Amino acid sequence: MMTTFWALVVLGILIFVHELGHFLVARFFGVRVLVFSLGFGPRIGGWSDKTGTEYQVSVIPLGGYVKMLGEANDDETPIAEEDLKYSFATQNVWQRFAIVFAGPAFNFVFAVVALTLAFLVGVGETLPTVGAITPDMPAAQAGMKSGDRITFIGDKPIESWDNLSQTIKASDGTPMMFTIERDGKVFQLTISPQIKEVPNIFGEMVKFPLIGISPSDERRVVHYSPLQSIKMGAVQSWRMIDLTVTSIWKLITRVVSPDQIGGPLMIAEMAGKTAAQGTSNLLFFMALISVNLGILNLLPIPILDGGHLFFFLIEAIKGSPVSETIQGIASKVGMALLLLLMVWALKNDLMRIFS
């Protein structure tokens, strides 16, 4: 029950943010918004404002939409001449581009805001305390033991396991001076990282300098100042964007199996788990899903925002819109591809659950 609740909360917020981007930029350019809907299908309930915009919640919570006056392929009656200036279709190509691009852009902005809040609330950080040690690797050979706390590498302070890992990986295998705390005593060990071929997160074999240690379970909660949180939120958002784009490319090039694609059931499960782990974990998860939503919507697939943006770019280059016939055919192909992707993701979710 709680898993379903948090899934609806996460998806509802992210869909709202995405559609809010379209809505606000459309309003900024004077375009009349007819419907702002969270969800698809039959309307559950809603209200209208004085401008005539209908705000509604619909049955299927796996998306949403903003319907504007004069959108292509709508079924509205002909637009009165005095209302043409409020039509989406009569805006210049760059204004239409901005309205469509605003949805994904708001997802990226939301990621920065969510991560900034996470760093303000406090994030869990693994301490640089040694857990297991791999036999016959440099750390074991140098005399490092489980429970040792690494405080410096050379003259660089080591405050977290991530900091430690990145420092070792940045080396080229040359000897490094480790300052160790053990049982209240401080001493130094000289260790030469060994270049090993290991799988990365995509399963590709890559070479890394390693010394053969893994972290203990020691963690602490770190709080950051507002300015630090904004900086960390922006940096972490960029890392998520880079990771997501790389992952999509790895899927396209078949480096990563399409069986790894997750769908709504996986999102629901992860939403429940991260919510149980605390506010900052939930905010990190929402930021990651928001980034994924933004990038997926920018893919040049008709019916997605990226497909519309692609047609607008062609229009800007050739000086005239792409024909409605071509757009109609492309939309049908895009819908088929999207349905295929959704079915595949659902199949993967079910396989994970029942295996």
Protein backbone atom coordinates (compact mmCIF):
# COMPACT_ATOMS: atom_id res chain seq x y z
CA MET A 1 0.00 0.00 0.00
CA MET A 2 2.76 2.45 0.95
CA THR A 3 4.69 1.50 -2.20
CA THR A 4 1.68 2.47 -4.32
CA PHE A 5 1.27 5.70 -2.37
CA TRP A 6 4.88 6.80 -2.85
CA ALA A 7 4.83 5.77 -6.50
CA LEU A 8 1.81 8.02 -7.09
CA VAL A 9 3.47 10.85 -5.14
CA VAL A 10 6.73 10.62 -7.13
CA LEU A 11 5.08 10.25 -10.54
CA GLY A 12 2.46 12.88 -9.74
CA ILE A 13 5.06 15.49 -8.76
CA LEU A 14 7.31 14.80 -11.76
CA ILE A 15 4.43 14.83 -14.25
CA PHE A 16 3.14 18.05 -12.71
CA VAL A 17 6.59 19.69 -12.98
CA HIS A 18 6.96 18.62 -16.63
CA GLU A 19 3.53 19.88 -17.68
CA LEU A 20 3.98 23.05 -15.60
CA GLY A 21 6.94 23.92 -17.83
CA HIS A 22 4.78 23.74 -20.97
CA PHE A 23 1.96 25.61 -19.22
CA LEU A 24 3.98 28.55 -17.86
CA VAL A 25 5.92 29.22 -21.07
CA ALA A 26 2.72 28.93 -23.14
CA ARG A 27 1.07 31.48 -20.85
CA PHE A 28 4.19 33.69 -21.09
CA PHE A 29 3.79 33.88 -24.88
CA GLY A 30 0.05 34.49 -24.58
CA VAL A 31 -1.06 31.07 -25.80
CA ARG A 32 -4.44 29.98 -24.46
CA VAL A 33 -4.25 26.73 -22.49
CA LEU A 34 -7.46 24.70 -22.74
CA VAL A 35 -6.60 21.72 -20.49
CA PHE A 36 -3.93 20.98 -17.88
CA SER A 37 -4.26 17.28 -17.08
CA LEU A 38 -2.45 14.99 -14.68
CA GLY A 39 -3.01 11.55 -16.17
CA PHE A 40 -4.66 10.29 -19.34
CA GLY A 41 -8.07 8.87 -20.12
CA PRO A 42 -11.43 9.66 -18.48
CA ARG A 43 -11.53 12.68 -16.21
CA ILE A 44 -11.86 12.00 -12.48
CA GLY A 45 -12.37 15.58 -11.38
CA GLY A 46 -11.10 19.13 -11.71
CA TRP A 47 -11.98 22.79 -12.00
CA SER A 48 -11.70 25.74 -14.40
CA ASP A 49 -10.15 29.17 -13.88
CA LYS A 50 -11.34 32.55 -15.16
CA THR A 51 -9.22 32.24 -18.33
CA GLY A 52 -11.06 29.07 -19.34
CA THR A 53 -8.27 26.61 -18.55
CA GLU A 54 -9.58 23.32 -17.19
CA TYR A 55 -7.36 21.67 -14.57
CA GLN A 56 -8.11 17.97 -14.20
CA VAL A 57 -6.96 14.64 -12.84
CA SER A 58 -7.50 11.64 -15.11
CA VAL A 59 -7.69 7.89 -14.55
CA ILE A 60 -4.34 6.68 -15.94
CA PRO A 61 -1.53 8.21 -13.82
CA LEU A 62 1.33 7.40 -16.22
CA GLY A 63 1.64 10.83 -17.80
CA GLY A 64 -0.17 14.08 -18.40
CA TYR A 65 -0.68 16.76 -21.00
CA VAL A 66 -1.25 20.44 -21.64
CA LYS A 67 -3.71 21.08 -24.46
CA MET A 68 -3.38 24.48 -26.12
CA LEU A 69 -5.59 26.34 -28.55
CA GLY A 70 -4.57 25.61 -32.13
CA GLU A 71 -2.41 22.56 -31.54
CA ALA A 72 -1.94 20.32 -34.58
CA ASN A 73 -4.41 17.48 -35.04
CA ASP A 74 -6.84 18.81 -32.43
CA ASP A 75 -10.57 18.40 -32.89
CA GLU A 76 -11.60 21.94 -31.96
CA THR A 77 -14.00 24.01 -34.03
CA PRO A 78 -12.36 26.63 -36.30
CA ILE A 79 -10.66 29.36 -34.31
CA ALA A 80 -12.29 32.78 -34.43
CA GLU A 81 -10.11 35.41 -36.10
CA GLU A 82 -9.85 37.49 -32.94
CA ASP A 83 -8.52 34.43 -31.08
CA LEU A 84 -5.80 33.51 -33.58
CA LYS A 85 -3.21 35.47 -31.61
CA TYR A 86 -3.84 33.10 -28.67
CA SER A 87 -3.26 30.00 -30.81
CA PHE A 88 -0.18 27.80 -30.46
CA ALA A 89 -0.04 27.34 -34.23
CA THR A 90 0.27 31.08 -34.93
CA GLN A 91 3.33 31.58 -32.73
CA ASN A 92 6.67 31.75 -34.49
CA VAL A 93 8.74 28.57 -34.65
CA TRP A 94 11.11 29.56 -31.83
CA GLN A 95 8.23 30.39 -29.48
CA ARG A 96 6.69 26.98 -30.19
CA PHE A 97 10.12 25.40 -29.70
CA ALA A 98 10.45 27.13 -26.30
CA ILE A 99 6.98 26.00 -25.17
CA VAL A 100 7.70 22.36 -26.01
CA PHE A 101 11.28 22.42 -24.68
CA ALA A 102 10.11 23.89 -21.37
CA GLY A 103 8.71 20.53 -20.20
CA PRO A 104 12.03 18.64 -20.21
CA ALA A 105 13.84 21.79 -19.05
CA PHE A 106 11.66 21.96 -15.94
CA ASN A 107 12.53 18.33 -15.20
CA PHE A 108 16.23 19.26 -15.16
CA VAL A 109 15.55 22.31 -12.98
CA PHE A 110 13.53 20.14 -10.60
CA ALA A 111 16.48 17.73 -10.30
CA VAL A 112 18.75 20.59 -9.20
CA VAL A 113 16.16 21.82 -6.69
CA ALA A 114 15.52 18.31 -5.29
CA LEU A 115 19.22 17.58 -4.91
CA THR A 116 19.85 20.98 -3.34
CA LEU A 117 17.18 20.18 -0.74
CA ALA A 118 18.73 16.72 -0.21
CA PHE A 119 22.13 18.22 0.57
CA LEU A 120 20.50 20.75 2.91
CA VAL A 121 18.58 18.01 4.74
CA GLY A 122 21.72 15.92 4.99
CA VAL A 123 23.09 13.04 2.94
CA GLY A 124 24.57 9.77 4.06
CA GLU A 125 28.30 9.45 3.42
CA THR A 126 30.40 6.28 3.76
CA LEU A 127 33.47 6.93 5.90
CA PRO A 128 36.97 5.94 4.67
CA THR A 129 37.17 3.03 7.09
CA VAL A 130 38.44 -0.24 5.66
CA GLY A 131 36.11 -3.23 5.72
CA ALA A 132 37.23 -6.32 3.81
CA ILE A 133 40.74 -6.63 2.36
CA THR A 134 41.48 -8.72 -0.73
CA PRO A 135 44.38 -11.15 -0.19
CA ASP A 136 47.49 -10.75 -2.38
CA MET A 137 46.52 -7.19 -3.35
CA PRO A 138 48.67 -4.11 -2.56
CA ALA A 139 46.78 -3.09 0.62
CA ALA A 140 47.13 -6.57 2.17
CA GLN A 141 50.77 -6.79 1.14
CA ALA A 142 51.50 -3.39 2.75
CA GLY A 143 49.96 -4.47 6.07
CA MET A 144 46.62 -2.64 5.99
CA LYS A 145 43.95 -4.19 8.23
CA SER A 146 40.19 -4.20 8.50
CA GLY A 147 39.07 -1.26 10.67
CA ASP A 148 41.89 1.05 9.57
CA ARG A 149 40.77 4.65 9.00
CA ILE A 150 42.46 6.37 6.04
CA THR A 151 42.85 10.08 6.78
CA PHE A 152 45.31 11.28 4.13
CA ILE A 153 46.74 10.19 0.79
CA GLY A 154 49.92 12.21 0.41
CA ASP A 155 48.95 15.65 1.68
CA LYS A 156 45.33 15.34 0.53
CA PRO A 157 42.73 14.94 3.33
CA ILE A 158 40.40 11.95 2.85
CA GLU A 159 36.97 12.55 4.37
CA SER A 160 34.77 9.97 2.61
CA TRP A 161 35.03 6.64 0.83
CA ASP A 162 34.04 8.29 -2.45
CA ASN A 163 36.89 10.77 -1.99
CA LEU A 164 39.26 7.84 -1.29
CA SER A 165 38.07 5.84 -4.31
CA GLN A 166 38.37 8.76 -6.73
CA THR A 167 41.87 9.61 -5.47
CA ILE A 168 43.09 6.04 -6.03
CA LYS A 169 41.44 5.82 -9.46
CA ALA A 170 43.07 9.11 -10.48
CA SER A 171 46.52 7.60 -9.89
CA ASP A 172 48.50 5.78 -12.56
CA GLY A 173 49.78 3.05 -10.29
CA THR A 174 52.64 5.08 -8.80
CA PRO A 175 53.36 4.62 -5.05
CA MET A 176 51.02 6.58 -2.73
CA MET A 177 51.54 7.47 0.93
CA PHE A 178 48.48 6.51 3.03
CA THR A 179 48.08 7.99 6.51
CA ILE A 180 46.28 5.46 8.71
CA GLU A 181 44.56 5.64 12.11
CA ARG A 182 44.47 2.33 14.00
CA ASP A 183 43.64 1.85 17.67
CA GLY A 184 44.40 5.48 18.48
CA LYS A 185 47.75 5.43 16.68
CA VAL A 186 48.70 7.20 13.46
CA PHE A 187 51.19 5.80 10.98
CA GLN A 188 51.88 5.74 7.24
CA LEU A 189 51.96 3.02 4.60
CA THR A 190 53.34 3.29 1.10
CA ILE A 191 51.10 1.43 -1.35
CA SER A 192 51.41 1.10 -5.14
CA PRO A 193 47.95 0.60 -6.73
CA GLN A 194 47.71 -2.33 -9.09
CA ILE A 195 46.13 -1.81 -12.52
CA LYS A 196 43.33 -4.36 -12.77
CA GLU A 197 40.69 -5.02 -15.41
CA VAL A 198 37.26 -4.95 -13.78
CA PRO A 199 33.67 -4.51 -15.02
CA ASN A 200 32.17 -1.02 -14.81
CA ILE A 201 28.49 -0.31 -14.10
CA PHE A 202 27.64 -1.19 -17.72
CA GLY A 203 29.45 -4.53 -17.55
CA GLU A 204 32.30 -3.36 -19.78
CA MET A 205 35.80 -4.43 -18.79
CA VAL A 206 37.92 -1.37 -17.97
CA LYS A 207 41.29 -0.87 -16.30
CA PHE A 208 41.45 0.83 -12.90
CA PRO A 209 44.18 1.32 -10.31
CA LEU A 210 43.08 -0.69 -7.23
CA ILE A 211 44.61 -1.55 -3.87
CA GLY A 212 42.14 -4.27 -2.85
CA ILE A 213 39.93 -2.84 -0.11
CA SER A 214 36.19 -2.38 0.37
CA PRO A 215 34.33 -0.05 2.75
CA SER A 216 32.99 -0.87 6.18
CA ASP A 217 29.42 -0.03 7.20
CA GLU A 218 30.46 3.18 8.99
CA ARG A 219 28.47 6.16 7.75
CA ARG A 220 27.66 9.68 8.82
CA VAL A 221 25.10 12.27 7.80
CA VAL A 222 26.65 15.37 6.26
CA HIS A 223 24.81 18.71 6.08
CA TYR A 224 25.84 21.38 3.59
CA SER A 225 25.36 25.15 3.61
CA PRO A 226 22.82 26.67 1.19
CA LEU A 227 25.52 27.75 -1.29
CA GLN A 228 27.31 24.41 -1.06
CA SER A 229 23.98 22.61 -1.51
CA ILE A 230 23.18 24.57 -4.68
CA LYS A 231 26.63 23.80 -6.10
CA MET A 232 26.43 20.12 -5.14
CA GLY A 233 22.89 19.90 -6.51
CA ALA A 234 23.99 21.30 -9.88
CA VAL A 235 27.07 19.06 -10.06
CA GLN A 236 25.14 15.93 -9.11
CA SER A 237 22.38 16.78 -11.61
CA TRP A 238 24.95 17.03 -14.38
CA ARG A 239 26.39 13.65 -13.36
CA MET A 240 22.90 12.14 -13.54
CA ILE A 241 22.34 13.66 -17.00
CA ASP A 242 25.69 12.33 -18.22
CA LEU A 243 25.00 8.87 -16.78
CA THR A 244 21.49 8.74 -18.30
CA VAL A 245 22.66 9.82 -21.78
CA THR A 246 25.52 7.30 -21.62
CA SER A 247 23.12 4.55 -20.51
CA ILE A 248 20.75 5.25 -23.42
CA TRP A 249 23.66 5.11 -25.85
CA LYS A 250 24.83 1.83 -24.32
CA LEU A 251 21.31 0.45 -24.82
CA ILE A 252 21.23 1.58 -28.45
CA THR A 253 24.64 0.04 -29.13
CA ARG A 254 23.61 -3.16 -27.26
CA VAL A 255 26.39 -2.85 -24.69
CA VAL A 256 23.63 -2.95 -22.07
CA SER A 257 20.87 -5.53 -22.49
CA PRO A 258 17.35 -4.13 -23.10
CA ASP A 259 16.30 -6.50 -20.31
CA GLN A 260 17.67 -3.86 -17.93
CA ILE A 261 14.95 -1.36 -18.91
CA GLY A 262 12.58 -0.72 -16.03
CA GLY A 263 8.98 0.39 -16.10
CA PRO A 264 6.30 1.73 -13.74
CA LEU A 265 6.41 -1.31 -11.43
CA MET A 266 10.14 -0.88 -10.91
CA ILE A 267 9.68 2.85 -10.26
CA ALA A 268 6.94 2.05 -7.74
CA GLU A 269 9.14 -0.46 -5.94
CA MET A 270 12.11 1.92 -5.80
CA ALA A 271 9.92 4.83 -4.67
CA GLY A 272 8.69 2.79 -1.71
CA LYS A 273 12.20 1.65 -0.77
CA THR A 274 13.81 5.09 -0.99
CA ALA A 275 10.96 6.73 0.95
CA ALA A 276 11.57 4.23 3.76
CA GLN A 277 15.28 5.16 3.76
CA GLY A 278 14.67 8.84 4.47
CA THR A 279 13.94 12.19 2.88
CA SER A 280 17.31 12.74 1.20
CA ASN A 281 17.23 9.28 -0.44
CA LEU A 282 13.74 9.95 -1.78
CA LEU A 283 14.86 13.33 -3.14
CA PHE A 284 17.84 11.71 -4.88
CA PHE A 285 15.54 9.12 -6.43
CA MET A 286 13.06 11.77 -7.61
CA ALA A 287 15.91 13.78 -9.14
CA LEU A 288 17.15 10.71 -11.02
CA ILE A 289 13.68 9.86 -12.38
CA SER A 290 13.13 13.52 -13.29
CA VAL A 291 16.38 13.59 -15.28
CA ASN A 292 15.39 10.34 -17.02
CA LEU A 293 11.96 11.78 -17.85
CA GLY A 294 13.50 14.96 -19.25
CA ILE A 295 16.03 13.15 -21.45
CA LEU A 296 13.59 10.52 -22.69
CA ASN A 297 11.19 13.28 -23.71
CA LEU A 298 13.98 14.92 -25.74
CA LEU A 299 14.55 11.82 -27.87
CA PRO A 300 13.55 12.61 -31.49
CA ILE A 301 10.59 10.24 -31.44
CA PRO A 302 7.31 11.59 -32.83
CA ILE A 303 4.59 12.21 -30.18
CA LEU A 304 7.34 12.92 -27.62
CA ASP A 305 8.56 16.48 -27.07
CA GLY A 306 11.79 15.63 -28.89
CA GLY A 307 9.85 14.64 -32.01
CA HIS A 308 8.05 18.00 -32.06
CA LEU A 309 11.34 19.84 -31.48
CA PHE A 310 12.89 17.92 -34.40
CA PHE A 311 10.06 19.04 -36.71
CA PHE A 312 10.44 22.65 -35.49
CA LEU A 313 14.16 22.57 -36.33
CA ILE A 314 13.36 21.31 -39.83
CA GLU A 315 10.78 24.08 -40.16
CA ALA A 316 13.31 26.70 -39.05
CA ILE A 317 15.86 25.44 -41.61
CA LYS A 318 13.53 25.04 -44.62
CA GLY A 319 11.29 27.99 -43.80
CA SER A 320 8.02 26.06 -43.81
CA PRO A 321 6.36 23.44 -41.61
CA VAL A 322 6.69 19.73 -42.22
CA SER A 323 3.54 18.52 -44.00
CA GLU A 324 0.70 17.28 -41.82
CA THR A 325 0.71 13.98 -43.73
CA ILE A 326 4.33 13.28 -42.80
CA GLN A 327 3.73 14.37 -39.22
CA GLY A 328 0.69 12.10 -39.01
CA ILE A 329 2.59 9.05 -40.30
CA ALA A 330 5.52 9.82 -38.00
CA SER A 331 3.18 10.12 -35.02
CA LYS A 332 1.72 6.68 -35.68
CA VAL A 333 5.20 5.17 -35.94
CA GLY A 334 6.23 6.99 -32.75
CA MET A 335 3.14 5.74 -30.91
CA ALA A 336 3.91 2.17 -31.98
CA LEU A 337 7.51 2.47 -30.78
CA LEU A 338 6.42 3.97 -27.47
CA LEU A 339 3.84 1.23 -26.88
CA LEU A 340 6.46 -1.41 -27.71
CA LEU A 341 8.86 0.16 -25.20
CA MET A 342 6.16 0.28 -22.51
CA VAL A 343 5.23 -3.37 -23.09
CA TRP A 344 8.91 -4.38 -22.97
CA ALA A 345 9.48 -2.45 -19.74
CA LEU A 346 6.39 -4.01 -18.16
CA LYS A 347 7.60 -7.47 -19.22
CA ASN A 348 10.97 -6.79 -17.55
CA ASP A 349 9.22 -5.61 -14.37
CA LEU A 350 7.09 -8.75 -14.22
CA MET A 351 10.12 -10.97 -14.86
CA ARG A 352 11.96 -9.32 -11.95
CA ILE A 353 8.99 -9.76 -9.63
CA PHE A 354 8.27 -13.41 -10.45
CA SER A 355 11.89 -14.54 -10.74
